[in-house]
Amino acid sequence: MTEKMIETERLIIRVMVESDLENIVKLNADEQVMTYFPSVMSKEESVEFLTKVLAHQGEHGYSFYAVELKGTNQFIGIVSLVTVGFESDIQGQVEIGWRFLPEYWGKGYAQEAAQATLNYGHEHFGIEIIYAFTATINQPSENLMKRLGMKKVGEFAHPKMNDDSPLKQHVLYCNQKR
């Protein structure tokens, strides 16, 4: 078993490893999970994704994390702290993100994992401000940002989205270390 990084009441949040590939392929290929992304990912794209995740972890000490149910170690999704790479006002800043398998939606797992990860980012890494963003049409993620106590700081046109895409406009939230 991989060493746990964060433990909550119901979850284990740990660094991802190469053996997570099968779970990542399943998550990234799920049409419901990827509704607010440009498309689902092929196995090859998920291999590339995991390679980048592991490299980011090595370079920064933080990245995407596997989220498992405590007691069963059942993979249920991912939560992340990553450096914003695209050109924008927040380029180089740290963002939090999440994706969970649909059968685990509506149970509070995303909020539990995200809150623990925000706290970990602030306390363990000393990150002062952590951002979150999503397409304006992704109401479930924006609602989670609000439940996490994040503050809306603006909207922006995502530079990696086509101009005619319904995913072009994004909301931007932040969480400041207390």
N, C-alpha and C. Protein backbone atom coordinates (compact mmCIF):
# COMPACT_ATOMS: atom_id res chain seq x y z
N MET A 1 0.84 -1.18 0.00
CA MET A 1 0.00 0.00 0.00
C MET A 1 0.88 1.25 0.00
N THR A 2 0.44 2.25 -0.71
CA THR A 2 1.16 3.51 -0.77
C THR A 2 0.93 4.30 0.52
N GLU A 3 1.95 5.00 0.96
CA GLU A 3 1.85 5.76 2.21
C GLU A 3 0.79 6.84 2.10
N LYS A 4 -0.06 6.91 3.13
CA LYS A 4 -1.10 7.94 3.13
C LYS A 4 -0.49 9.28 3.48
N MET A 5 -1.04 10.30 2.89
CA MET A 5 -0.56 11.65 3.10
C MET A 5 -1.50 12.41 4.02
N ILE A 6 -2.80 12.27 3.73
CA ILE A 6 -3.84 12.93 4.52
C ILE A 6 -4.88 11.87 4.87
N GLU A 7 -5.34 11.91 6.09
CA GLU A 7 -6.41 11.01 6.50
C GLU A 7 -7.53 11.86 7.07
N THR A 8 -8.75 11.63 6.59
CA THR A 8 -9.93 12.32 7.11
C THR A 8 -10.81 11.29 7.80
N GLU A 9 -11.98 11.70 8.18
CA GLU A 9 -12.90 10.78 8.85
C GLU A 9 -13.20 9.56 7.98
N ARG A 10 -13.37 9.78 6.67
CA ARG A 10 -13.77 8.68 5.78
C ARG A 10 -12.80 8.37 4.66
N LEU A 11 -11.76 9.19 4.50
CA LEU A 11 -10.92 9.09 3.31
C LEU A 11 -9.43 9.01 3.62
N ILE A 12 -8.72 8.41 2.66
CA ILE A 12 -7.26 8.45 2.61
C ILE A 12 -6.91 9.21 1.34
N ILE A 13 -6.04 10.20 1.46
CA ILE A 13 -5.58 10.97 0.30
C ILE A 13 -4.09 10.73 0.23
N ARG A 14 -3.64 10.22 -0.92
CA ARG A 14 -2.23 9.82 -1.02
C ARG A 14 -1.64 10.22 -2.37
N VAL A 15 -0.34 10.26 -2.41
CA VAL A 15 0.39 10.55 -3.64
C VAL A 15 0.08 9.45 -4.66
N MET A 16 -0.12 9.87 -5.91
CA MET A 16 -0.38 8.88 -6.96
C MET A 16 0.92 8.19 -7.36
N VAL A 17 0.77 6.95 -7.81
CA VAL A 17 1.90 6.14 -8.26
C VAL A 17 1.53 5.49 -9.59
N GLU A 18 2.52 4.90 -10.26
CA GLU A 18 2.29 4.30 -11.57
C GLU A 18 1.18 3.26 -11.56
N SER A 19 1.05 2.53 -10.46
CA SER A 19 0.02 1.48 -10.39
C SER A 19 -1.41 2.05 -10.32
N ASP A 20 -1.55 3.37 -10.25
CA ASP A 20 -2.87 4.00 -10.29
C ASP A 20 -3.41 4.13 -11.71
N LEU A 21 -2.62 3.74 -12.70
CA LEU A 21 -3.01 3.97 -14.09
C LEU A 21 -4.39 3.44 -14.43
N GLU A 22 -4.70 2.22 -14.04
CA GLU A 22 -6.01 1.63 -14.38
C GLU A 22 -7.16 2.50 -13.85
N ASN A 23 -7.02 2.98 -12.62
CA ASN A 23 -8.05 3.84 -12.04
C ASN A 23 -8.14 5.19 -12.77
N ILE A 24 -7.00 5.73 -13.16
CA ILE A 24 -6.98 7.02 -13.86
C ILE A 24 -7.60 6.88 -15.24
N VAL A 25 -7.31 5.77 -15.91
CA VAL A 25 -7.92 5.53 -17.23
C VAL A 25 -9.44 5.48 -17.10
N LYS A 26 -9.93 4.77 -16.10
CA LYS A 26 -11.38 4.66 -15.88
C LYS A 26 -11.99 6.03 -15.59
N LEU A 27 -11.36 6.80 -14.72
CA LEU A 27 -11.87 8.12 -14.34
C LEU A 27 -11.90 9.06 -15.55
N ASN A 28 -10.80 9.13 -16.28
CA ASN A 28 -10.68 10.07 -17.39
C ASN A 28 -11.48 9.66 -18.62
N ALA A 29 -11.91 8.40 -18.69
CA ALA A 29 -12.71 7.92 -19.82
C ALA A 29 -14.21 8.02 -19.54
N ASP A 30 -14.57 8.38 -18.32
CA ASP A 30 -15.99 8.44 -17.95
C ASP A 30 -16.62 9.74 -18.46
N GLU A 31 -17.65 9.61 -19.28
CA GLU A 31 -18.29 10.79 -19.89
C GLU A 31 -18.91 11.72 -18.86
N GLN A 32 -19.47 11.16 -17.79
CA GLN A 32 -20.06 12.02 -16.75
C GLN A 32 -18.98 12.82 -16.02
N VAL A 33 -17.88 12.16 -15.68
CA VAL A 33 -16.77 12.82 -14.99
C VAL A 33 -16.21 13.96 -15.84
N MET A 34 -16.12 13.72 -17.15
CA MET A 34 -15.45 14.65 -18.05
C MET A 34 -16.41 15.63 -18.74
N THR A 35 -17.63 15.73 -18.24
CA THR A 35 -18.64 16.62 -18.84
C THR A 35 -18.13 18.04 -19.04
N TYR A 36 -17.40 18.57 -18.08
CA TYR A 36 -16.96 19.96 -18.14
C TYR A 36 -15.50 20.09 -18.56
N PHE A 37 -15.00 19.07 -19.24
CA PHE A 37 -13.68 19.08 -19.87
C PHE A 37 -13.91 18.99 -21.37
N PRO A 38 -12.91 19.34 -22.18
CA PRO A 38 -13.12 19.30 -23.63
C PRO A 38 -13.55 17.93 -24.16
N SER A 39 -13.03 16.86 -23.57
CA SER A 39 -13.40 15.51 -24.01
C SER A 39 -12.91 14.49 -23.00
N VAL A 40 -13.38 13.25 -23.17
CA VAL A 40 -12.83 12.16 -22.37
C VAL A 40 -11.41 11.92 -22.85
N MET A 41 -10.64 11.18 -22.06
CA MET A 41 -9.26 10.88 -22.44
C MET A 41 -9.13 9.42 -22.84
N SER A 42 -8.32 9.19 -23.85
CA SER A 42 -7.98 7.83 -24.24
C SER A 42 -7.00 7.25 -23.23
N LYS A 43 -6.73 5.96 -23.34
CA LYS A 43 -5.75 5.34 -22.44
C LYS A 43 -4.39 6.01 -22.62
N GLU A 44 -4.02 6.29 -23.85
CA GLU A 44 -2.73 6.92 -24.13
C GLU A 44 -2.66 8.32 -23.49
N GLU A 45 -3.75 9.06 -23.57
CA GLU A 45 -3.78 10.39 -22.95
C GLU A 45 -3.70 10.28 -21.43
N SER A 46 -4.31 9.25 -20.86
CA SER A 46 -4.23 9.05 -19.41
C SER A 46 -2.83 8.64 -18.98
N VAL A 47 -2.13 7.87 -19.82
CA VAL A 47 -0.73 7.52 -19.53
C VAL A 47 0.10 8.81 -19.50
N GLU A 48 -0.10 9.67 -20.49
CA GLU A 48 0.61 10.95 -20.55
C GLU A 48 0.26 11.83 -19.34
N PHE A 49 -1.02 11.84 -18.99
CA PHE A 49 -1.49 12.60 -17.82
C PHE A 49 -0.77 12.13 -16.56
N LEU A 50 -0.73 10.81 -16.33
CA LEU A 50 -0.09 10.28 -15.12
C LEU A 50 1.41 10.58 -15.13
N THR A 51 2.04 10.51 -16.27
CA THR A 51 3.47 10.84 -16.38
C THR A 51 3.71 12.28 -15.94
N LYS A 52 2.84 13.20 -16.39
CA LYS A 52 2.97 14.61 -16.00
C LYS A 52 2.69 14.80 -14.51
N VAL A 53 1.72 14.07 -13.99
CA VAL A 53 1.39 14.13 -12.56
C VAL A 53 2.61 13.75 -11.73
N LEU A 54 3.24 12.64 -12.09
CA LEU A 54 4.40 12.16 -11.32
C LEU A 54 5.57 13.13 -11.43
N ALA A 55 5.76 13.73 -12.62
CA ALA A 55 6.83 14.71 -12.80
C ALA A 55 6.57 15.96 -11.97
N HIS A 56 5.32 16.43 -11.95
CA HIS A 56 4.96 17.61 -11.16
C HIS A 56 5.19 17.34 -9.68
N GLN A 57 4.85 16.13 -9.23
CA GLN A 57 5.06 15.75 -7.84
C GLN A 57 6.55 15.82 -7.50
N GLY A 58 7.38 15.29 -8.39
CA GLY A 58 8.82 15.31 -8.15
C GLY A 58 9.40 16.72 -8.13
N GLU A 59 8.86 17.58 -8.99
CA GLU A 59 9.37 18.95 -9.10
C GLU A 59 8.89 19.87 -7.98
N HIS A 60 7.62 19.75 -7.61
CA HIS A 60 7.02 20.70 -6.67
C HIS A 60 6.73 20.13 -5.28
N GLY A 61 6.66 18.79 -5.18
CA GLY A 61 6.30 18.18 -3.90
C GLY A 61 4.80 17.98 -3.74
N TYR A 62 4.02 18.54 -4.66
CA TYR A 62 2.56 18.37 -4.66
C TYR A 62 2.09 18.15 -6.09
N SER A 63 0.91 17.58 -6.23
CA SER A 63 0.38 17.27 -7.56
C SER A 63 -1.05 16.77 -7.42
N PHE A 64 -1.41 15.79 -8.25
CA PHE A 64 -2.71 15.12 -8.14
C PHE A 64 -2.56 13.99 -7.12
N TYR A 65 -3.59 13.80 -6.32
CA TYR A 65 -3.58 12.76 -5.30
C TYR A 65 -4.74 11.80 -5.51
N ALA A 66 -4.49 10.53 -5.22
CA ALA A 66 -5.56 9.53 -5.25
C ALA A 66 -6.38 9.67 -3.97
N VAL A 67 -7.69 9.54 -4.12
CA VAL A 67 -8.60 9.57 -2.96
C VAL A 67 -9.22 8.19 -2.84
N GLU A 68 -9.09 7.60 -1.65
CA GLU A 68 -9.60 6.26 -1.39
C GLU A 68 -10.50 6.27 -0.16
N LEU A 69 -11.42 5.32 -0.15
CA LEU A 69 -12.25 5.13 1.03
C LEU A 69 -11.42 4.48 2.13
N LYS A 70 -11.50 5.03 3.31
CA LYS A 70 -10.78 4.47 4.45
C LYS A 70 -11.37 3.09 4.76
N GLY A 71 -10.52 2.16 5.06
CA GLY A 71 -10.98 0.82 5.43
C GLY A 71 -10.97 -0.15 4.27
N THR A 72 -11.35 0.32 3.08
CA THR A 72 -11.38 -0.57 1.90
C THR A 72 -10.31 -0.23 0.89
N ASN A 73 -9.74 0.97 0.97
CA ASN A 73 -8.78 1.48 0.00
C ASN A 73 -9.35 1.52 -1.42
N GLN A 74 -10.67 1.61 -1.53
CA GLN A 74 -11.33 1.70 -2.83
C GLN A 74 -11.06 3.09 -3.43
N PHE A 75 -10.50 3.12 -4.64
CA PHE A 75 -10.25 4.38 -5.35
C PHE A 75 -11.59 5.01 -5.72
N ILE A 76 -11.76 6.30 -5.37
CA ILE A 76 -13.03 6.97 -5.70
C ILE A 76 -12.83 8.24 -6.53
N GLY A 77 -11.59 8.71 -6.63
CA GLY A 77 -11.35 9.92 -7.42
C GLY A 77 -10.00 10.52 -7.14
N ILE A 78 -9.86 11.77 -7.57
CA ILE A 78 -8.60 12.49 -7.38
C ILE A 78 -8.88 13.91 -6.89
N VAL A 79 -7.92 14.44 -6.19
CA VAL A 79 -7.92 15.85 -5.78
C VAL A 79 -6.52 16.35 -6.06
N SER A 80 -6.38 17.63 -6.36
CA SER A 80 -5.06 18.09 -6.79
C SER A 80 -4.68 19.45 -6.24
N LEU A 81 -3.40 19.63 -6.10
CA LEU A 81 -2.76 20.93 -5.93
C LEU A 81 -1.72 20.99 -7.04
N VAL A 82 -1.92 21.86 -8.01
CA VAL A 82 -0.99 21.96 -9.13
C VAL A 82 -0.73 23.42 -9.47
N THR A 83 0.39 23.65 -10.11
CA THR A 83 0.76 24.98 -10.56
C THR A 83 0.04 25.29 -11.86
N VAL A 84 -0.59 26.44 -11.94
CA VAL A 84 -1.30 26.85 -13.16
C VAL A 84 -0.26 27.11 -14.24
N GLY A 85 -0.38 26.37 -15.35
CA GLY A 85 0.62 26.45 -16.40
C GLY A 85 0.25 27.34 -17.57
N PHE A 86 -1.03 27.58 -17.78
CA PHE A 86 -1.43 28.38 -18.95
C PHE A 86 -1.27 29.87 -18.66
N GLU A 87 -1.11 30.64 -19.73
CA GLU A 87 -0.90 32.08 -19.61
C GLU A 87 -2.17 32.75 -19.08
N SER A 88 -2.03 33.40 -17.93
CA SER A 88 -3.17 34.08 -17.30
C SER A 88 -2.65 34.90 -16.12
N ASP A 89 -3.57 35.59 -15.46
CA ASP A 89 -3.20 36.37 -14.27
C ASP A 89 -2.75 35.48 -13.12
N ILE A 90 -3.14 34.20 -13.16
CA ILE A 90 -2.77 33.29 -12.06
C ILE A 90 -1.71 32.27 -12.49
N GLN A 91 -1.08 32.49 -13.63
CA GLN A 91 -0.02 31.57 -14.08
C GLN A 91 1.05 31.49 -12.99
N GLY A 92 1.45 30.25 -12.67
CA GLY A 92 2.47 30.03 -11.65
C GLY A 92 1.91 29.92 -10.24
N GLN A 93 0.63 30.24 -10.07
CA GLN A 93 -0.03 30.10 -8.77
C GLN A 93 -0.51 28.66 -8.60
N VAL A 94 -0.96 28.31 -7.40
CA VAL A 94 -1.41 26.95 -7.13
C VAL A 94 -2.93 26.89 -7.19
N GLU A 95 -3.43 25.87 -7.88
CA GLU A 95 -4.88 25.65 -7.96
C GLU A 95 -5.22 24.29 -7.37
N ILE A 96 -6.43 24.21 -6.84
CA ILE A 96 -6.97 22.94 -6.37
C ILE A 96 -8.01 22.48 -7.37
N GLY A 97 -8.10 21.17 -7.55
CA GLY A 97 -9.11 20.60 -8.44
C GLY A 97 -9.55 19.24 -7.93
N TRP A 98 -10.60 18.69 -8.54
CA TRP A 98 -11.12 17.40 -8.10
C TRP A 98 -11.89 16.74 -9.23
N ARG A 99 -11.88 15.42 -9.21
CA ARG A 99 -12.70 14.57 -10.09
C ARG A 99 -13.02 13.31 -9.30
N PHE A 100 -14.28 12.93 -9.32
CA PHE A 100 -14.70 11.72 -8.61
C PHE A 100 -15.56 10.86 -9.52
N LEU A 101 -15.47 9.56 -9.34
CA LEU A 101 -16.32 8.64 -10.08
C LEU A 101 -17.78 8.92 -9.72
N PRO A 102 -18.69 8.86 -10.69
CA PRO A 102 -20.10 9.24 -10.45
C PRO A 102 -20.78 8.52 -9.30
N GLU A 103 -20.42 7.27 -9.06
CA GLU A 103 -21.09 6.53 -7.98
C GLU A 103 -20.75 7.09 -6.59
N TYR A 104 -19.78 8.01 -6.53
CA TYR A 104 -19.41 8.61 -5.25
C TYR A 104 -19.83 10.08 -5.15
N TRP A 105 -20.59 10.56 -6.12
CA TRP A 105 -21.10 11.93 -6.08
C TRP A 105 -22.23 12.03 -5.05
N GLY A 106 -22.40 13.21 -4.51
CA GLY A 106 -23.52 13.48 -3.61
C GLY A 106 -23.38 12.89 -2.22
N LYS A 107 -22.19 12.45 -1.87
CA LYS A 107 -21.95 11.85 -0.56
C LYS A 107 -21.02 12.70 0.32
N GLY A 108 -20.62 13.85 -0.19
CA GLY A 108 -19.74 14.74 0.57
C GLY A 108 -18.26 14.41 0.47
N TYR A 109 -17.89 13.41 -0.35
CA TYR A 109 -16.49 13.03 -0.45
C TYR A 109 -15.63 14.12 -1.08
N ALA A 110 -16.14 14.77 -2.13
CA ALA A 110 -15.36 15.82 -2.79
C ALA A 110 -15.07 16.96 -1.82
N GLN A 111 -16.07 17.36 -1.06
CA GLN A 111 -15.87 18.44 -0.11
C GLN A 111 -14.88 18.03 0.99
N GLU A 112 -15.02 16.82 1.48
CA GLU A 112 -14.13 16.33 2.54
C GLU A 112 -12.68 16.28 2.04
N ALA A 113 -12.49 15.76 0.83
CA ALA A 113 -11.14 15.66 0.26
C ALA A 113 -10.57 17.03 -0.06
N ALA A 114 -11.39 17.89 -0.65
CA ALA A 114 -10.91 19.23 -1.02
C ALA A 114 -10.57 20.06 0.21
N GLN A 115 -11.40 20.00 1.24
CA GLN A 115 -11.12 20.79 2.45
C GLN A 115 -9.81 20.32 3.10
N ALA A 116 -9.63 19.02 3.18
CA ALA A 116 -8.39 18.48 3.76
C ALA A 116 -7.18 18.87 2.92
N THR A 117 -7.34 18.87 1.60
CA THR A 117 -6.23 19.22 0.71
C THR A 117 -5.91 20.71 0.78
N LEU A 118 -6.94 21.55 0.85
CA LEU A 118 -6.70 22.99 1.05
C LEU A 118 -5.90 23.22 2.33
N ASN A 119 -6.34 22.60 3.42
CA ASN A 119 -5.65 22.75 4.70
C ASN A 119 -4.21 22.27 4.60
N TYR A 120 -4.01 21.13 3.94
CA TYR A 120 -2.67 20.56 3.78
C TYR A 120 -1.78 21.51 2.97
N GLY A 121 -2.33 22.06 1.90
CA GLY A 121 -1.56 22.99 1.07
C GLY A 121 -1.12 24.21 1.85
N HIS A 122 -2.02 24.75 2.65
CA HIS A 122 -1.68 25.93 3.46
C HIS A 122 -0.69 25.59 4.56
N GLU A 123 -0.96 24.51 5.29
CA GLU A 123 -0.15 24.18 6.47
C GLU A 123 1.17 23.49 6.13
N HIS A 124 1.12 22.48 5.28
CA HIS A 124 2.32 21.68 4.99
C HIS A 124 3.26 22.39 4.01
N PHE A 125 2.67 23.00 2.97
CA PHE A 125 3.50 23.64 1.94
C PHE A 125 3.61 25.15 2.13
N GLY A 126 2.84 25.71 3.04
CA GLY A 126 2.90 27.15 3.28
C GLY A 126 2.36 27.98 2.13
N ILE A 127 1.47 27.41 1.35
CA ILE A 127 0.89 28.14 0.22
C ILE A 127 -0.11 29.16 0.77
N GLU A 128 0.11 30.42 0.46
CA GLU A 128 -0.71 31.51 1.01
C GLU A 128 -2.11 31.54 0.38
N ILE A 129 -2.17 31.48 -0.95
CA ILE A 129 -3.45 31.55 -1.66
C ILE A 129 -3.55 30.35 -2.60
N ILE A 130 -4.67 29.66 -2.55
CA ILE A 130 -4.94 28.54 -3.45
C ILE A 130 -6.18 28.90 -4.26
N TYR A 131 -6.05 28.78 -5.58
CA TYR A 131 -7.14 29.13 -6.50
C TYR A 131 -7.91 27.89 -6.93
N ALA A 132 -9.12 28.12 -7.40
CA ALA A 132 -9.93 27.08 -8.05
C ALA A 132 -10.68 27.77 -9.17
N PHE A 133 -10.84 27.06 -10.28
CA PHE A 133 -11.62 27.62 -11.38
C PHE A 133 -12.33 26.50 -12.11
N THR A 134 -13.41 26.87 -12.76
CA THR A 134 -14.18 25.92 -13.55
C THR A 134 -14.99 26.69 -14.58
N ALA A 135 -15.48 25.96 -15.57
CA ALA A 135 -16.35 26.58 -16.57
C ALA A 135 -17.59 27.14 -15.86
N THR A 136 -18.07 28.28 -16.32
CA THR A 136 -19.23 28.91 -15.68
C THR A 136 -20.46 28.01 -15.70
N ILE A 137 -20.51 27.06 -16.63
CA ILE A 137 -21.66 26.15 -16.69
C ILE A 137 -21.53 24.98 -15.71
N ASN A 138 -20.38 24.85 -15.06
CA ASN A 138 -20.17 23.74 -14.11
C ASN A 138 -20.64 24.16 -12.72
N GLN A 139 -21.93 24.21 -12.55
CA GLN A 139 -22.52 24.66 -11.29
C GLN A 139 -22.15 23.76 -10.11
N PRO A 140 -22.09 22.43 -10.28
CA PRO A 140 -21.70 21.59 -9.13
C PRO A 140 -20.32 21.95 -8.55
N SER A 141 -19.33 22.19 -9.41
CA SER A 141 -18.00 22.55 -8.90
C SER A 141 -18.00 23.94 -8.29
N GLU A 142 -18.71 24.88 -8.91
CA GLU A 142 -18.77 26.22 -8.33
C GLU A 142 -19.45 26.18 -6.96
N ASN A 143 -20.50 25.38 -6.85
CA ASN A 143 -21.17 25.24 -5.55
C ASN A 143 -20.23 24.67 -4.49
N LEU A 144 -19.38 23.72 -4.90
CA LEU A 144 -18.42 23.16 -3.95
C LEU A 144 -17.42 24.23 -3.51
N MET A 145 -16.97 25.05 -4.45
CA MET A 145 -16.05 26.13 -4.09
C MET A 145 -16.67 27.02 -3.02
N LYS A 146 -17.95 27.32 -3.18
CA LYS A 146 -18.65 28.15 -2.18
C LYS A 146 -18.74 27.43 -0.84
N ARG A 147 -19.07 26.13 -0.86
CA ARG A 147 -19.18 25.38 0.40
C ARG A 147 -17.83 25.29 1.12
N LEU A 148 -16.75 25.34 0.35
CA LEU A 148 -15.41 25.30 0.93
C LEU A 148 -15.01 26.65 1.53
N GLY A 149 -15.87 27.65 1.36
CA GLY A 149 -15.56 28.98 1.89
C GLY A 149 -14.66 29.78 0.98
N MET A 150 -14.49 29.33 -0.26
CA MET A 150 -13.66 30.07 -1.21
C MET A 150 -14.42 31.31 -1.66
N LYS A 151 -13.69 32.34 -2.02
CA LYS A 151 -14.28 33.62 -2.44
C LYS A 151 -14.12 33.80 -3.94
N LYS A 152 -15.21 34.20 -4.59
CA LYS A 152 -15.15 34.47 -6.03
C LYS A 152 -14.36 35.75 -6.25
N VAL A 153 -13.35 35.66 -7.12
CA VAL A 153 -12.51 36.83 -7.38
C VAL A 153 -12.59 37.29 -8.83
N GLY A 154 -13.37 36.57 -9.66
CA GLY A 154 -13.52 37.03 -11.03
C GLY A 154 -13.94 35.94 -11.98
N GLU A 155 -13.91 36.30 -13.25
CA GLU A 155 -14.18 35.39 -14.35
C GLU A 155 -13.12 35.63 -15.41
N PHE A 156 -12.88 34.63 -16.24
CA PHE A 156 -11.91 34.79 -17.32
C PHE A 156 -12.24 33.84 -18.47
N ALA A 157 -11.72 34.18 -19.63
CA ALA A 157 -11.85 33.32 -20.80
C ALA A 157 -10.64 32.39 -20.80
N HIS A 158 -10.89 31.08 -20.68
CA HIS A 158 -9.79 30.11 -20.61
C HIS A 158 -9.05 30.09 -21.94
N PRO A 159 -7.75 30.37 -21.92
CA PRO A 159 -6.99 30.47 -23.17
C PRO A 159 -6.84 29.16 -23.94
N LYS A 160 -7.09 28.03 -23.29
CA LYS A 160 -6.95 26.75 -23.98
C LYS A 160 -8.26 26.24 -24.58
N MET A 161 -9.34 27.00 -24.42
CA MET A 161 -10.64 26.60 -24.96
C MET A 161 -10.93 27.39 -26.23
N ASN A 162 -11.60 26.74 -27.18
CA ASN A 162 -12.01 27.42 -28.40
C ASN A 162 -12.99 28.53 -28.06
N ASP A 163 -12.97 29.60 -28.83
CA ASP A 163 -13.84 30.74 -28.56
C ASP A 163 -15.32 30.40 -28.57
N ASP A 164 -15.71 29.40 -29.37
CA ASP A 164 -17.13 29.04 -29.46
C ASP A 164 -17.52 27.93 -28.49
N SER A 165 -16.60 27.51 -27.63
CA SER A 165 -16.88 26.43 -26.68
C SER A 165 -17.71 26.93 -25.50
N PRO A 166 -18.69 26.14 -25.06
CA PRO A 166 -19.43 26.51 -23.85
C PRO A 166 -18.55 26.45 -22.60
N LEU A 167 -17.34 25.90 -22.75
CA LEU A 167 -16.40 25.80 -21.63
C LEU A 167 -15.41 26.97 -21.60
N LYS A 168 -15.54 27.92 -22.51
CA LYS A 168 -14.58 29.03 -22.63
C LYS A 168 -14.57 29.92 -21.38
N GLN A 169 -15.75 30.35 -20.93
CA GLN A 169 -15.83 31.26 -19.78
C GLN A 169 -15.69 30.48 -18.47
N HIS A 170 -14.83 30.97 -17.59
CA HIS A 170 -14.57 30.33 -16.31
C HIS A 170 -14.79 31.30 -15.15
N VAL A 171 -15.16 30.73 -14.01
CA VAL A 171 -15.20 31.49 -12.76
C VAL A 171 -13.91 31.19 -12.01
N LEU A 172 -13.45 32.16 -11.24
CA LEU A 172 -12.21 32.02 -10.48
C LEU A 172 -12.49 32.31 -9.01
N TYR A 173 -12.08 31.37 -8.16
CA TYR A 173 -12.25 31.49 -6.71
C TYR A 173 -10.88 31.37 -6.06
N CYS A 174 -10.76 31.84 -4.82
CA CYS A 174 -9.51 31.65 -4.08
C CYS A 174 -9.80 31.38 -2.61
N ASN A 175 -8.82 30.75 -1.99
CA ASN A 175 -8.87 30.43 -0.56
C ASN A 175 -7.56 30.94 0.02
N GLN A 176 -7.64 31.81 1.00
CA GLN A 176 -6.45 32.39 1.61
C GLN A 176 -6.15 31.72 2.94
N LYS A 177 -4.85 31.49 3.16
CA LYS A 177 -4.40 30.90 4.42
C LYS A 177 -4.84 31.77 5.58
N ARG A 178 -5.34 31.12 6.63
CA ARG A 178 -5.81 31.87 7.81
C ARG A 178 -4.73 32.00 8.84
